[in-house]
Amino acid sequence: MQAKPILIFIGKFLLAFIALSAIYTYVLNKPYTNLFGNTVKMMYGGAFGEDGKREVLLPGDENNKNSEQMKVVLLDNKMIQRYQQARAAGQNVQFTPPTVKVDTWVQAGIYLVFFLSLVIATASDWKRALIAIGIGLLILHFFLVFKTGLRLQFEAANKGIGGTALEGFGGSVLTFLHNLLRLANFNLLIALLLWLFLAFRMEDFEKIKQRLFTS
């Protein structure tokens, strides 16, 4: 087995990952957080369950001006009524509904950078690589948005917000999927599979095999 092609791939991947991570941190973090947050708002904002509501707050929004992370506020009519009753009874209480903070780098960015680094490290035909990047980033983006929506549903059901609950078969499925998708290794596996399916053709694997095992 030839070690040189493997070392070259590892070197290219590490350089690409470090460079793209820096670009994401200093250039793309804010615009992608807004894109990610707006997609989450479009797909999961508003009403859910019996009377629940999700309010997606992007950085700079009212009640989220001093944060670089997006937040999702979870509430329902019962929660609002309890607060109003407490205020009417003269109690000095603050209305603090559960809030889910979403670090876009941890939730999505690192997996996008991982996928991009893999494609760049193995690109030989750049036209095909750019197509793979476009399709792969789009699929990954919506997968990671779905993962975020699943997290929001789990958090609401875990606290009994909006008439939701972690009970029965549906609750078991939701808990299983939430625990699975929160694993970094599973998300990296999705990115890895997308790289293999989009960046290579069947004949490419034969060429790789010849390069690695032919002296």
N, C-alpha and C. Protein backbone atom coordinates (compact mmCIF):
# COMPACT_ATOMS: atom_id res chain seq x y z
N MET A 1 0.85 -1.19 0.00
CA MET A 1 0.00 0.00 0.00
C MET A 1 0.89 1.25 0.00
N GLN A 2 0.58 2.20 -0.88
CA GLN A 2 1.37 3.41 -1.01
C GLN A 2 0.91 4.44 0.00
N ALA A 3 1.85 4.97 0.78
CA ALA A 3 1.52 5.94 1.82
C ALA A 3 1.48 7.37 1.28
N LYS A 4 2.24 7.65 0.20
CA LYS A 4 2.36 9.02 -0.28
C LYS A 4 1.01 9.64 -0.67
N PRO A 5 0.15 8.96 -1.48
CA PRO A 5 -1.14 9.56 -1.83
C PRO A 5 -2.01 9.87 -0.62
N ILE A 6 -1.94 8.99 0.39
CA ILE A 6 -2.73 9.20 1.61
C ILE A 6 -2.23 10.42 2.36
N LEU A 7 -0.90 10.57 2.46
CA LEU A 7 -0.32 11.72 3.16
C LEU A 7 -0.63 13.02 2.43
N ILE A 8 -0.59 12.97 1.10
CA ILE A 8 -0.92 14.17 0.31
C ILE A 8 -2.38 14.56 0.55
N PHE A 9 -3.29 13.57 0.56
CA PHE A 9 -4.70 13.86 0.81
C PHE A 9 -4.89 14.47 2.20
N ILE A 10 -4.25 13.88 3.22
CA ILE A 10 -4.38 14.38 4.59
C ILE A 10 -3.88 15.83 4.68
N GLY A 11 -2.74 16.08 4.02
CA GLY A 11 -2.17 17.43 4.04
C GLY A 11 -3.10 18.44 3.39
N LYS A 12 -3.64 18.09 2.23
CA LYS A 12 -4.57 19.00 1.53
C LYS A 12 -5.82 19.23 2.36
N PHE A 13 -6.33 18.15 2.94
CA PHE A 13 -7.55 18.27 3.74
C PHE A 13 -7.34 19.19 4.94
N LEU A 14 -6.23 19.00 5.66
CA LEU A 14 -5.96 19.82 6.85
C LEU A 14 -5.78 21.29 6.48
N LEU A 15 -5.05 21.56 5.40
CA LEU A 15 -4.87 22.94 4.96
C LEU A 15 -6.20 23.58 4.59
N ALA A 16 -7.01 22.82 3.84
CA ALA A 16 -8.32 23.34 3.44
C ALA A 16 -9.21 23.58 4.64
N PHE A 17 -9.20 22.64 5.59
CA PHE A 17 -10.06 22.76 6.77
C PHE A 17 -9.67 23.97 7.61
N ILE A 18 -8.37 24.17 7.81
CA ILE A 18 -7.91 25.31 8.61
C ILE A 18 -8.26 26.63 7.92
N ALA A 19 -8.01 26.69 6.60
CA ALA A 19 -8.28 27.93 5.86
C ALA A 19 -9.77 28.24 5.83
N LEU A 20 -10.60 27.22 5.57
CA LEU A 20 -12.04 27.44 5.49
C LEU A 20 -12.64 27.76 6.85
N SER A 21 -12.09 27.16 7.90
CA SER A 21 -12.56 27.47 9.26
C SER A 21 -12.30 28.93 9.59
N ALA A 22 -11.12 29.43 9.20
CA ALA A 22 -10.79 30.83 9.44
C ALA A 22 -11.70 31.75 8.63
N ILE A 23 -11.94 31.40 7.38
CA ILE A 23 -12.82 32.21 6.53
C ILE A 23 -14.23 32.23 7.10
N TYR A 24 -14.70 31.07 7.56
CA TYR A 24 -16.05 31.02 8.15
C TYR A 24 -16.11 31.90 9.40
N THR A 25 -15.12 31.77 10.28
CA THR A 25 -15.13 32.50 11.55
C THR A 25 -15.12 34.01 11.36
N TYR A 26 -14.27 34.50 10.44
CA TYR A 26 -14.06 35.94 10.32
C TYR A 26 -14.88 36.60 9.21
N VAL A 27 -15.42 35.80 8.28
CA VAL A 27 -16.13 36.39 7.14
C VAL A 27 -17.56 35.89 7.02
N LEU A 28 -17.76 34.59 7.14
CA LEU A 28 -19.05 33.99 6.79
C LEU A 28 -19.96 33.71 7.97
N ASN A 29 -19.45 33.83 9.19
CA ASN A 29 -20.26 33.46 10.35
C ASN A 29 -21.58 34.24 10.42
N LYS A 30 -21.49 35.55 10.32
CA LYS A 30 -22.70 36.38 10.44
C LYS A 30 -23.68 36.16 9.29
N PRO A 31 -23.21 36.23 8.00
CA PRO A 31 -24.18 36.01 6.92
C PRO A 31 -24.78 34.61 6.92
N TYR A 32 -23.96 33.59 7.28
CA TYR A 32 -24.55 32.24 7.28
C TYR A 32 -25.49 32.06 8.46
N THR A 33 -25.19 32.68 9.60
CA THR A 33 -26.12 32.62 10.73
C THR A 33 -27.47 33.21 10.35
N ASN A 34 -27.46 34.32 9.60
CA ASN A 34 -28.71 34.92 9.14
C ASN A 34 -29.43 34.02 8.14
N LEU A 35 -28.67 33.42 7.21
CA LEU A 35 -29.29 32.50 6.25
C LEU A 35 -29.87 31.29 6.97
N PHE A 36 -29.10 30.71 7.86
CA PHE A 36 -29.55 29.53 8.60
C PHE A 36 -30.77 29.87 9.45
N GLY A 37 -30.70 31.01 10.15
CA GLY A 37 -31.80 31.42 11.00
C GLY A 37 -33.07 31.71 10.21
N ASN A 38 -32.94 32.34 9.06
CA ASN A 38 -34.11 32.63 8.23
C ASN A 38 -34.74 31.35 7.68
N THR A 39 -33.90 30.36 7.38
CA THR A 39 -34.44 29.08 6.92
C THR A 39 -35.17 28.37 8.04
N VAL A 40 -34.60 28.40 9.25
CA VAL A 40 -35.26 27.83 10.42
C VAL A 40 -36.58 28.54 10.69
N LYS A 41 -36.57 29.88 10.58
CA LYS A 41 -37.79 30.67 10.81
C LYS A 41 -38.87 30.30 9.78
N MET A 42 -38.46 30.16 8.52
CA MET A 42 -39.41 29.82 7.46
C MET A 42 -40.03 28.45 7.68
N MET A 43 -39.22 27.48 8.12
CA MET A 43 -39.69 26.11 8.23
C MET A 43 -40.30 25.77 9.59
N TYR A 44 -39.80 26.41 10.67
CA TYR A 44 -40.21 25.99 12.01
C TYR A 44 -40.71 27.14 12.89
N GLY A 45 -40.68 28.38 12.40
CA GLY A 45 -41.18 29.50 13.18
C GLY A 45 -42.70 29.49 13.23
N GLY A 46 -43.26 30.14 14.23
CA GLY A 46 -44.71 30.24 14.32
C GLY A 46 -45.32 29.15 15.19
N ALA A 47 -46.56 28.79 14.86
CA ALA A 47 -47.34 27.89 15.71
C ALA A 47 -46.88 26.44 15.59
N PHE A 48 -47.06 25.69 16.69
CA PHE A 48 -46.84 24.24 16.69
C PHE A 48 -47.69 23.63 17.79
N GLY A 49 -47.92 22.33 17.71
CA GLY A 49 -48.71 21.64 18.72
C GLY A 49 -50.12 22.20 18.81
N GLU A 50 -50.68 22.21 20.03
CA GLU A 50 -52.03 22.71 20.24
C GLU A 50 -52.07 24.24 20.26
N ASP A 51 -51.20 24.86 21.04
CA ASP A 51 -51.20 26.32 21.13
C ASP A 51 -49.79 26.87 21.33
N GLY A 52 -48.79 26.10 20.88
CA GLY A 52 -47.40 26.53 21.04
C GLY A 52 -46.98 27.52 19.97
N LYS A 53 -45.90 28.22 20.26
CA LYS A 53 -45.36 29.19 19.31
C LYS A 53 -43.84 29.23 19.44
N ARG A 54 -43.18 29.25 18.29
CA ARG A 54 -41.73 29.41 18.25
C ARG A 54 -41.41 30.78 17.67
N GLU A 55 -40.60 31.54 18.37
CA GLU A 55 -40.17 32.85 17.88
C GLU A 55 -38.67 32.81 17.64
N VAL A 56 -38.26 32.86 16.36
CA VAL A 56 -36.85 32.77 15.99
C VAL A 56 -36.25 34.17 16.00
N LEU A 57 -35.22 34.37 16.81
CA LEU A 57 -34.56 35.68 16.94
C LEU A 57 -33.16 35.60 16.35
N LEU A 58 -32.90 36.40 15.34
CA LEU A 58 -31.58 36.46 14.72
C LEU A 58 -30.73 37.50 15.44
N PRO A 59 -29.39 37.43 15.30
CA PRO A 59 -28.54 38.47 15.90
C PRO A 59 -28.95 39.85 15.40
N GLY A 60 -29.15 40.79 16.31
CA GLY A 60 -29.57 42.13 15.94
C GLY A 60 -31.05 42.37 16.07
N ASP A 61 -31.84 41.29 16.17
CA ASP A 61 -33.27 41.43 16.38
C ASP A 61 -33.56 41.98 17.77
N GLU A 62 -34.77 42.52 17.94
CA GLU A 62 -35.19 42.96 19.28
C GLU A 62 -35.11 41.76 20.23
N ASN A 63 -34.63 41.99 21.43
CA ASN A 63 -34.42 40.95 22.45
C ASN A 63 -33.25 40.02 22.13
N ASN A 64 -32.48 40.36 21.08
CA ASN A 64 -31.29 39.55 20.78
C ASN A 64 -30.20 40.43 20.14
N LYS A 65 -30.15 41.68 20.57
CA LYS A 65 -29.25 42.65 19.93
C LYS A 65 -27.79 42.44 20.32
N ASN A 66 -27.55 41.90 21.50
CA ASN A 66 -26.18 41.80 22.00
C ASN A 66 -25.59 40.40 21.85
N SER A 67 -26.17 39.60 20.97
CA SER A 67 -25.70 38.22 20.78
C SER A 67 -25.34 37.98 19.32
N GLU A 68 -24.35 37.12 19.10
CA GLU A 68 -23.99 36.72 17.74
C GLU A 68 -24.63 35.40 17.36
N GLN A 69 -25.41 34.84 18.28
CA GLN A 69 -26.09 33.57 18.03
C GLN A 69 -27.58 33.79 17.83
N MET A 70 -28.19 32.89 17.08
CA MET A 70 -29.65 32.93 16.96
C MET A 70 -30.26 32.26 18.18
N LYS A 71 -31.48 32.69 18.51
CA LYS A 71 -32.20 32.12 19.64
C LYS A 71 -33.62 31.79 19.19
N VAL A 72 -34.18 30.77 19.81
CA VAL A 72 -35.56 30.40 19.52
C VAL A 72 -36.32 30.36 20.85
N VAL A 73 -37.32 31.22 20.96
CA VAL A 73 -38.14 31.28 22.17
C VAL A 73 -39.33 30.34 22.01
N LEU A 74 -39.57 29.51 23.03
CA LEU A 74 -40.67 28.55 23.02
C LEU A 74 -41.70 28.97 24.06
N LEU A 75 -42.95 29.11 23.65
CA LEU A 75 -43.99 29.49 24.60
C LEU A 75 -45.35 29.00 24.13
N ASP A 76 -46.33 29.06 25.03
CA ASP A 76 -47.70 28.69 24.68
C ASP A 76 -48.67 29.56 25.49
N ASN A 77 -49.95 29.43 25.20
CA ASN A 77 -50.96 30.27 25.85
C ASN A 77 -51.03 30.04 27.35
N LYS A 78 -50.86 28.79 27.80
CA LYS A 78 -50.91 28.50 29.24
C LYS A 78 -49.79 29.24 29.98
N MET A 79 -48.62 29.29 29.38
CA MET A 79 -47.49 29.97 29.98
C MET A 79 -47.78 31.47 30.11
N ILE A 80 -48.35 32.04 29.05
CA ILE A 80 -48.69 33.47 29.05
C ILE A 80 -49.77 33.75 30.09
N GLN A 81 -50.77 32.88 30.17
CA GLN A 81 -51.86 33.07 31.14
C GLN A 81 -51.36 33.01 32.58
N ARG A 82 -50.43 32.08 32.86
CA ARG A 82 -49.87 31.99 34.22
C ARG A 82 -49.13 33.26 34.58
N TYR A 83 -48.41 33.81 33.64
CA TYR A 83 -47.68 35.06 33.88
C TYR A 83 -48.66 36.21 34.13
N GLN A 84 -49.71 36.29 33.30
CA GLN A 84 -50.69 37.36 33.46
C GLN A 84 -51.43 37.25 34.80
N GLN A 85 -51.74 36.03 35.21
CA GLN A 85 -52.41 35.84 36.50
C GLN A 85 -51.52 36.24 37.66
N ALA A 86 -50.23 35.92 37.56
CA ALA A 86 -49.28 36.29 38.61
C ALA A 86 -49.15 37.80 38.71
N ARG A 87 -49.09 38.47 37.56
CA ARG A 87 -49.00 39.93 37.56
C ARG A 87 -50.27 40.56 38.12
N ALA A 88 -51.42 39.97 37.76
CA ALA A 88 -52.70 40.49 38.25
C ALA A 88 -52.82 40.32 39.77
N ALA A 89 -52.16 39.29 40.30
CA ALA A 89 -52.20 39.05 41.75
C ALA A 89 -51.17 39.89 42.50
N GLY A 90 -50.47 40.74 41.78
CA GLY A 90 -49.51 41.64 42.41
C GLY A 90 -48.12 41.07 42.56
N GLN A 91 -47.86 39.93 41.98
CA GLN A 91 -46.53 39.33 42.10
C GLN A 91 -45.57 39.97 41.11
N ASN A 92 -44.36 40.25 41.57
CA ASN A 92 -43.34 40.86 40.71
C ASN A 92 -42.52 39.75 40.05
N VAL A 93 -43.03 39.25 38.94
CA VAL A 93 -42.39 38.13 38.25
C VAL A 93 -41.94 38.57 36.86
N GLN A 94 -40.88 37.96 36.40
CA GLN A 94 -40.38 38.21 35.04
C GLN A 94 -40.86 37.10 34.11
N PHE A 95 -41.25 37.49 32.90
CA PHE A 95 -41.70 36.50 31.92
C PHE A 95 -40.47 35.98 31.18
N THR A 96 -40.05 34.78 31.52
CA THR A 96 -38.84 34.20 30.92
C THR A 96 -39.16 32.82 30.33
N PRO A 97 -39.74 32.78 29.14
CA PRO A 97 -40.04 31.50 28.51
C PRO A 97 -38.75 30.78 28.12
N PRO A 98 -38.79 29.45 28.00
CA PRO A 98 -37.60 28.69 27.60
C PRO A 98 -37.03 29.19 26.28
N THR A 99 -35.72 29.32 26.22
CA THR A 99 -35.04 29.81 25.01
C THR A 99 -33.95 28.83 24.61
N VAL A 100 -33.96 28.45 23.36
CA VAL A 100 -32.93 27.55 22.82
C VAL A 100 -31.91 28.40 22.07
N LYS A 101 -30.65 28.39 22.52
CA LYS A 101 -29.59 29.11 21.84
C LYS A 101 -28.93 28.19 20.82
N VAL A 102 -28.75 28.70 19.61
CA VAL A 102 -28.19 27.89 18.53
C VAL A 102 -26.88 28.52 18.07
N ASP A 103 -25.77 27.85 18.37
CA ASP A 103 -24.46 28.25 17.86
C ASP A 103 -24.33 27.66 16.45
N THR A 104 -24.40 28.52 15.45
CA THR A 104 -24.45 28.04 14.06
C THR A 104 -23.20 27.27 13.66
N TRP A 105 -22.04 27.64 14.21
CA TRP A 105 -20.81 26.90 13.89
C TRP A 105 -20.90 25.47 14.40
N VAL A 106 -21.33 25.30 15.64
CA VAL A 106 -21.44 23.97 16.23
C VAL A 106 -22.58 23.18 15.58
N GLN A 107 -23.69 23.85 15.30
CA GLN A 107 -24.87 23.18 14.77
C GLN A 107 -24.72 22.82 13.29
N ALA A 108 -23.99 23.66 12.53
CA ALA A 108 -23.96 23.46 11.08
C ALA A 108 -22.62 23.76 10.43
N GLY A 109 -22.01 24.88 10.78
CA GLY A 109 -20.84 25.36 10.06
C GLY A 109 -19.70 24.37 9.97
N ILE A 110 -19.40 23.69 11.06
CA ILE A 110 -18.25 22.77 11.07
C ILE A 110 -18.44 21.61 10.09
N TYR A 111 -19.70 21.19 9.89
CA TYR A 111 -19.97 20.08 8.97
C TYR A 111 -19.91 20.54 7.51
N LEU A 112 -20.31 21.78 7.25
CA LEU A 112 -20.17 22.34 5.91
C LEU A 112 -18.70 22.48 5.55
N VAL A 113 -17.90 22.96 6.49
CA VAL A 113 -16.46 23.12 6.25
C VAL A 113 -15.79 21.76 6.06
N PHE A 114 -16.19 20.77 6.85
CA PHE A 114 -15.65 19.41 6.72
C PHE A 114 -15.92 18.86 5.32
N PHE A 115 -17.16 19.01 4.83
CA PHE A 115 -17.52 18.53 3.50
C PHE A 115 -16.73 19.26 2.42
N LEU A 116 -16.67 20.59 2.51
CA LEU A 116 -15.92 21.38 1.52
C LEU A 116 -14.45 20.98 1.48
N SER A 117 -13.88 20.75 2.65
CA SER A 117 -12.46 20.39 2.72
C SER A 117 -12.19 19.05 2.05
N LEU A 118 -13.11 18.10 2.23
CA LEU A 118 -12.96 16.80 1.57
C LEU A 118 -12.99 16.94 0.05
N VAL A 119 -13.94 17.72 -0.46
CA VAL A 119 -14.07 17.89 -1.91
C VAL A 119 -12.83 18.58 -2.48
N ILE A 120 -12.39 19.65 -1.81
CA ILE A 120 -11.21 20.39 -2.29
C ILE A 120 -9.96 19.51 -2.26
N ALA A 121 -9.82 18.68 -1.24
CA ALA A 121 -8.63 17.84 -1.09
C ALA A 121 -8.54 16.77 -2.16
N THR A 122 -9.66 16.41 -2.78
CA THR A 122 -9.66 15.32 -3.76
C THR A 122 -10.05 15.79 -5.16
N ALA A 123 -10.23 17.10 -5.34
CA ALA A 123 -10.70 17.60 -6.64
C ALA A 123 -9.63 17.44 -7.72
N SER A 124 -10.03 16.86 -8.82
CA SER A 124 -9.18 16.80 -10.01
C SER A 124 -9.88 17.45 -11.19
N ASP A 125 -11.18 17.21 -11.29
CA ASP A 125 -12.02 17.87 -12.29
C ASP A 125 -12.82 18.96 -11.55
N TRP A 126 -12.41 20.23 -11.72
CA TRP A 126 -13.00 21.29 -10.92
C TRP A 126 -14.44 21.59 -11.31
N LYS A 127 -14.81 21.33 -12.55
CA LYS A 127 -16.21 21.52 -12.94
C LYS A 127 -17.10 20.56 -12.16
N ARG A 128 -16.69 19.30 -12.08
CA ARG A 128 -17.44 18.31 -11.32
C ARG A 128 -17.39 18.61 -9.84
N ALA A 129 -16.23 19.12 -9.36
CA ALA A 129 -16.10 19.45 -7.95
C ALA A 129 -17.05 20.58 -7.56
N LEU A 130 -17.18 21.59 -8.42
CA LEU A 130 -18.07 22.71 -8.13
C LEU A 130 -19.53 22.27 -8.11
N ILE A 131 -19.88 21.36 -8.99
CA ILE A 131 -21.25 20.82 -8.98
C ILE A 131 -21.50 20.05 -7.68
N ALA A 132 -20.51 19.23 -7.30
CA ALA A 132 -20.62 18.47 -6.05
C ALA A 132 -20.74 19.40 -4.84
N ILE A 133 -19.97 20.49 -4.85
CA ILE A 133 -20.03 21.46 -3.75
C ILE A 133 -21.41 22.11 -3.67
N GLY A 134 -21.93 22.54 -4.83
CA GLY A 134 -23.24 23.19 -4.84
C GLY A 134 -24.35 22.29 -4.34
N ILE A 135 -24.41 21.06 -4.88
CA ILE A 135 -25.45 20.12 -4.47
C ILE A 135 -25.25 19.69 -3.02
N GLY A 136 -24.00 19.40 -2.66
CA GLY A 136 -23.71 18.92 -1.31
C GLY A 136 -24.03 19.95 -0.23
N LEU A 137 -23.64 21.21 -0.47
CA LEU A 137 -23.93 22.25 0.52
C LEU A 137 -25.43 22.47 0.68
N LEU A 138 -26.16 22.39 -0.43
CA LEU A 138 -27.62 22.58 -0.36
C LEU A 138 -28.26 21.46 0.46
N ILE A 139 -27.87 20.21 0.18
CA ILE A 139 -28.43 19.07 0.92
C ILE A 139 -28.06 19.15 2.40
N LEU A 140 -26.78 19.46 2.67
CA LEU A 140 -26.32 19.56 4.06
C LEU A 140 -27.04 20.67 4.81
N HIS A 141 -27.22 21.81 4.14
CA HIS A 141 -27.89 22.95 4.78
C HIS A 141 -29.28 22.55 5.27
N PHE A 142 -30.06 21.92 4.40
CA PHE A 142 -31.43 21.58 4.78
C PHE A 142 -31.46 20.41 5.77
N PHE A 143 -30.48 19.51 5.68
CA PHE A 143 -30.38 18.46 6.68
C PHE A 143 -30.12 19.05 8.06
N LEU A 144 -29.21 20.02 8.13
CA LEU A 144 -28.85 20.63 9.42
C LEU A 144 -29.98 21.52 9.95
N VAL A 145 -30.75 22.12 9.05
CA VAL A 145 -31.94 22.86 9.47
C VAL A 145 -32.97 21.89 10.04
N PHE A 146 -33.14 20.74 9.38
CA PHE A 146 -34.05 19.71 9.89
C PHE A 146 -33.61 19.24 11.27
N LYS A 147 -32.30 19.06 11.45
CA LYS A 147 -31.77 18.65 12.76
C LYS A 147 -32.11 19.69 13.82
N THR A 148 -32.02 20.96 13.46
CA THR A 148 -32.35 22.03 14.39
C THR A 148 -33.84 22.02 14.73
N GLY A 149 -34.67 21.81 13.72
CA GLY A 149 -36.11 21.73 13.96
C GLY A 149 -36.47 20.57 14.88
N LEU A 150 -35.78 19.46 14.71
CA LEU A 150 -36.00 18.30 15.57
C LEU A 150 -35.59 18.62 17.01
N ARG A 151 -34.51 19.35 17.16
CA ARG A 151 -34.07 19.77 18.50
C ARG A 151 -35.11 20.68 19.16
N LEU A 152 -35.67 21.60 18.38
CA LEU A 152 -36.69 22.52 18.92
C LEU A 152 -37.93 21.75 19.35
N GLN A 153 -38.33 20.76 18.53
CA GLN A 153 -39.50 19.96 18.89
C GLN A 153 -39.24 19.14 20.15
N PHE A 154 -38.03 18.60 20.26
CA PHE A 154 -37.67 17.82 21.46
C PHE A 154 -37.68 18.70 22.70
N GLU A 155 -37.08 19.89 22.60
CA GLU A 155 -37.02 20.80 23.76
C GLU A 155 -38.43 21.18 24.20
N ALA A 156 -39.33 21.44 23.24
CA ALA A 156 -40.70 21.82 23.58
C ALA A 156 -41.43 20.65 24.24
N ALA A 157 -41.31 19.46 23.65
CA ALA A 157 -42.00 18.29 24.20
C ALA A 157 -41.44 17.90 25.56
N ASN A 158 -40.15 18.08 25.75
CA ASN A 158 -39.52 17.74 27.02
C ASN A 158 -40.03 18.62 28.16
N LYS A 159 -40.46 19.84 27.81
CA LYS A 159 -40.98 20.78 28.81
C LYS A 159 -42.50 20.87 28.78
N GLY A 160 -43.14 20.07 27.92
CA GLY A 160 -44.60 20.06 27.85
C GLY A 160 -45.19 21.35 27.30
N ILE A 161 -44.47 22.01 26.39
CA ILE A 161 -44.94 23.28 25.83
C ILE A 161 -45.82 23.02 24.61
N GLY A 162 -46.92 23.76 24.52
CA GLY A 162 -47.80 23.65 23.35
C GLY A 162 -48.59 22.36 23.29
N GLY A 163 -48.78 21.74 24.43
CA GLY A 163 -49.53 20.49 24.45
C GLY A 163 -48.76 19.30 23.94
N THR A 164 -47.45 19.43 23.75
CA THR A 164 -46.61 18.32 23.28
C THR A 164 -46.00 17.60 24.47
N ALA A 165 -45.62 16.34 24.26
CA ALA A 165 -45.02 15.55 25.34
C ALA A 165 -44.22 14.40 24.75
N LEU A 166 -43.24 13.94 25.51
CA LEU A 166 -42.41 12.80 25.09
C LEU A 166 -43.05 11.51 25.59
N GLU A 167 -44.19 11.18 25.05
CA GLU A 167 -44.92 9.98 25.48
C GLU A 167 -45.24 9.10 24.28
N GLY A 168 -45.40 7.82 24.54
CA GLY A 168 -45.82 6.88 23.51
C GLY A 168 -44.75 6.65 22.46
N PHE A 169 -45.17 6.04 21.35
CA PHE A 169 -44.25 5.69 20.27
C PHE A 169 -43.64 6.92 19.63
N GLY A 170 -44.48 7.96 19.41
CA GLY A 170 -43.98 9.19 18.79
C GLY A 170 -42.90 9.85 19.64
N GLY A 171 -43.09 9.86 20.95
CA GLY A 171 -42.10 10.44 21.84
C GLY A 171 -40.80 9.66 21.83
N SER A 172 -40.91 8.33 21.73
CA SER A 172 -39.71 7.49 21.68
C SER A 172 -38.92 7.72 20.40
N VAL A 173 -39.64 7.85 19.28
CA VAL A 173 -38.99 8.11 17.99
C VAL A 173 -38.30 9.47 18.02
N LEU A 174 -39.00 10.48 18.55
CA LEU A 174 -38.43 11.82 18.62
C LEU A 174 -37.17 11.83 19.48
N THR A 175 -37.20 11.15 20.61
CA THR A 175 -36.04 11.08 21.49
C THR A 175 -34.87 10.38 20.82
N PHE A 176 -35.16 9.26 20.12
CA PHE A 176 -34.10 8.52 19.43
C PHE A 176 -33.44 9.38 18.35
N LEU A 177 -34.27 10.04 17.51
CA LEU A 177 -33.73 10.86 16.43
C LEU A 177 -32.94 12.05 16.98
N HIS A 178 -33.46 12.66 18.03
CA HIS A 178 -32.76 13.80 18.63
C HIS A 178 -31.39 13.37 19.16
N ASN A 179 -31.33 12.25 19.85
CA ASN A 179 -30.07 11.77 20.40
C ASN A 179 -29.10 11.35 19.30
N LEU A 180 -29.65 10.81 18.20
CA LEU A 180 -28.80 10.39 17.08
C LEU A 180 -28.20 11.60 16.37
N LEU A 181 -29.03 12.58 16.05
CA LEU A 181 -28.58 13.71 15.25
C LEU A 181 -27.72 14.70 16.04
N ARG A 182 -27.74 14.60 17.36
CA ARG A 182 -26.88 15.49 18.14
C ARG A 182 -25.46 14.95 18.21
N LEU A 183 -25.23 13.71 17.75
CA LEU A 183 -23.90 13.12 17.75
C LEU A 183 -23.07 13.73 16.62
N ALA A 184 -21.92 14.28 16.94
CA ALA A 184 -21.05 14.87 15.92
C ALA A 184 -20.63 13.82 14.90
N ASN A 185 -20.33 12.61 15.35
CA ASN A 185 -19.88 11.56 14.43
C ASN A 185 -20.93 11.23 13.38
N PHE A 186 -22.21 11.25 13.76
CA PHE A 186 -23.27 10.95 12.79
C PHE A 186 -23.35 12.05 11.73
N ASN A 187 -23.25 13.30 12.13
CA ASN A 187 -23.28 14.41 11.19
C ASN A 187 -22.07 14.40 10.27
N LEU A 188 -20.91 14.05 10.82
CA LEU A 188 -19.72 13.92 9.99
C LEU A 188 -19.88 12.78 8.99
N LEU A 189 -20.55 11.70 9.40
CA LEU A 189 -20.80 10.57 8.51
C LEU A 189 -21.68 11.00 7.33
N ILE A 190 -22.71 11.81 7.60
CA ILE A 190 -23.57 12.31 6.53
C ILE A 190 -22.75 13.11 5.52
N ALA A 191 -21.89 14.00 6.03
CA ALA A 191 -21.03 14.80 5.15
C ALA A 191 -20.08 13.91 4.36
N LEU A 192 -19.54 12.87 5.01
CA LEU A 192 -18.63 11.94 4.35
C LEU A 192 -19.33 11.17 3.23
N LEU A 193 -20.54 10.70 3.48
CA LEU A 193 -21.30 9.97 2.46
C LEU A 193 -21.64 10.86 1.28
N LEU A 194 -22.01 12.12 1.56
CA LEU A 194 -22.30 13.06 0.47
C LEU A 194 -21.05 13.27 -0.39
N TRP A 195 -19.90 13.38 0.25
CA TRP A 195 -18.64 13.53 -0.49
C TRP A 195 -18.40 12.33 -1.40
N LEU A 196 -18.59 11.12 -0.88
CA LEU A 196 -18.35 9.92 -1.67
C LEU A 196 -19.32 9.81 -2.84
N PHE A 197 -20.58 10.14 -2.62
CA PHE A 197 -21.59 10.00 -3.67
C PHE A 197 -21.52 11.11 -4.71
N LEU A 198 -21.13 12.31 -4.31
CA LEU A 198 -21.18 13.45 -5.22
C LEU A 198 -19.85 13.76 -5.90
N ALA A 199 -18.74 13.51 -5.22
CA ALA A 199 -17.43 13.92 -5.75
C ALA A 199 -16.75 12.83 -6.58
N PHE A 200 -17.27 11.60 -6.57
CA PHE A 200 -16.61 10.50 -7.28
C PHE A 200 -17.57 9.78 -8.21
N ARG A 201 -16.99 9.19 -9.25
CA ARG A 201 -17.68 8.24 -10.11
C ARG A 201 -17.11 6.85 -9.83
N MET A 202 -17.77 5.83 -10.35
CA MET A 202 -17.31 4.47 -10.08
C MET A 202 -15.88 4.25 -10.58
N GLU A 203 -15.54 4.83 -11.74
CA GLU A 203 -14.19 4.63 -12.28
C GLU A 203 -13.14 5.33 -11.42
N ASP A 204 -13.54 6.35 -10.68
CA ASP A 204 -12.60 7.04 -9.81
C ASP A 204 -12.10 6.13 -8.69
N PHE A 205 -12.99 5.29 -8.18
CA PHE A 205 -12.60 4.38 -7.10
C PHE A 205 -11.58 3.35 -7.61
N GLU A 206 -11.71 2.95 -8.87
CA GLU A 206 -10.74 2.02 -9.45
C GLU A 206 -9.38 2.68 -9.60
N LYS A 207 -9.38 3.95 -10.01
CA LYS A 207 -8.11 4.69 -10.13
C LYS A 207 -7.44 4.85 -8.77
N ILE A 208 -8.25 5.16 -7.76
CA ILE A 208 -7.71 5.30 -6.40
C ILE A 208 -7.11 3.99 -5.92
N LYS A 209 -7.81 2.91 -6.20
CA LYS A 209 -7.32 1.57 -5.82
C LYS A 209 -5.98 1.27 -6.47
N GLN A 210 -5.85 1.61 -7.76
CA GLN A 210 -4.60 1.37 -8.47
C GLN A 210 -3.47 2.22 -7.91
N ARG A 211 -3.77 3.47 -7.57
CA ARG A 211 -2.72 4.36 -7.03
C ARG A 211 -2.25 3.89 -5.65
N LEU A 212 -3.17 3.36 -4.86
CA LEU A 212 -2.82 2.97 -3.50
C LEU A 212 -2.12 1.62 -3.42
N PHE A 213 -2.51 0.69 -4.32
CA PHE A 213 -2.03 -0.69 -4.17
C PHE A 213 -1.13 -1.16 -5.31
N THR A 214 -0.79 -0.25 -6.25
CA THR A 214 0.12 -0.62 -7.32
C THR A 214 1.47 0.03 -7.06
N SER A 215 2.48 -0.77 -7.01
CA SER A 215 3.83 -0.25 -6.72
C SER A 215 4.45 0.29 -7.99
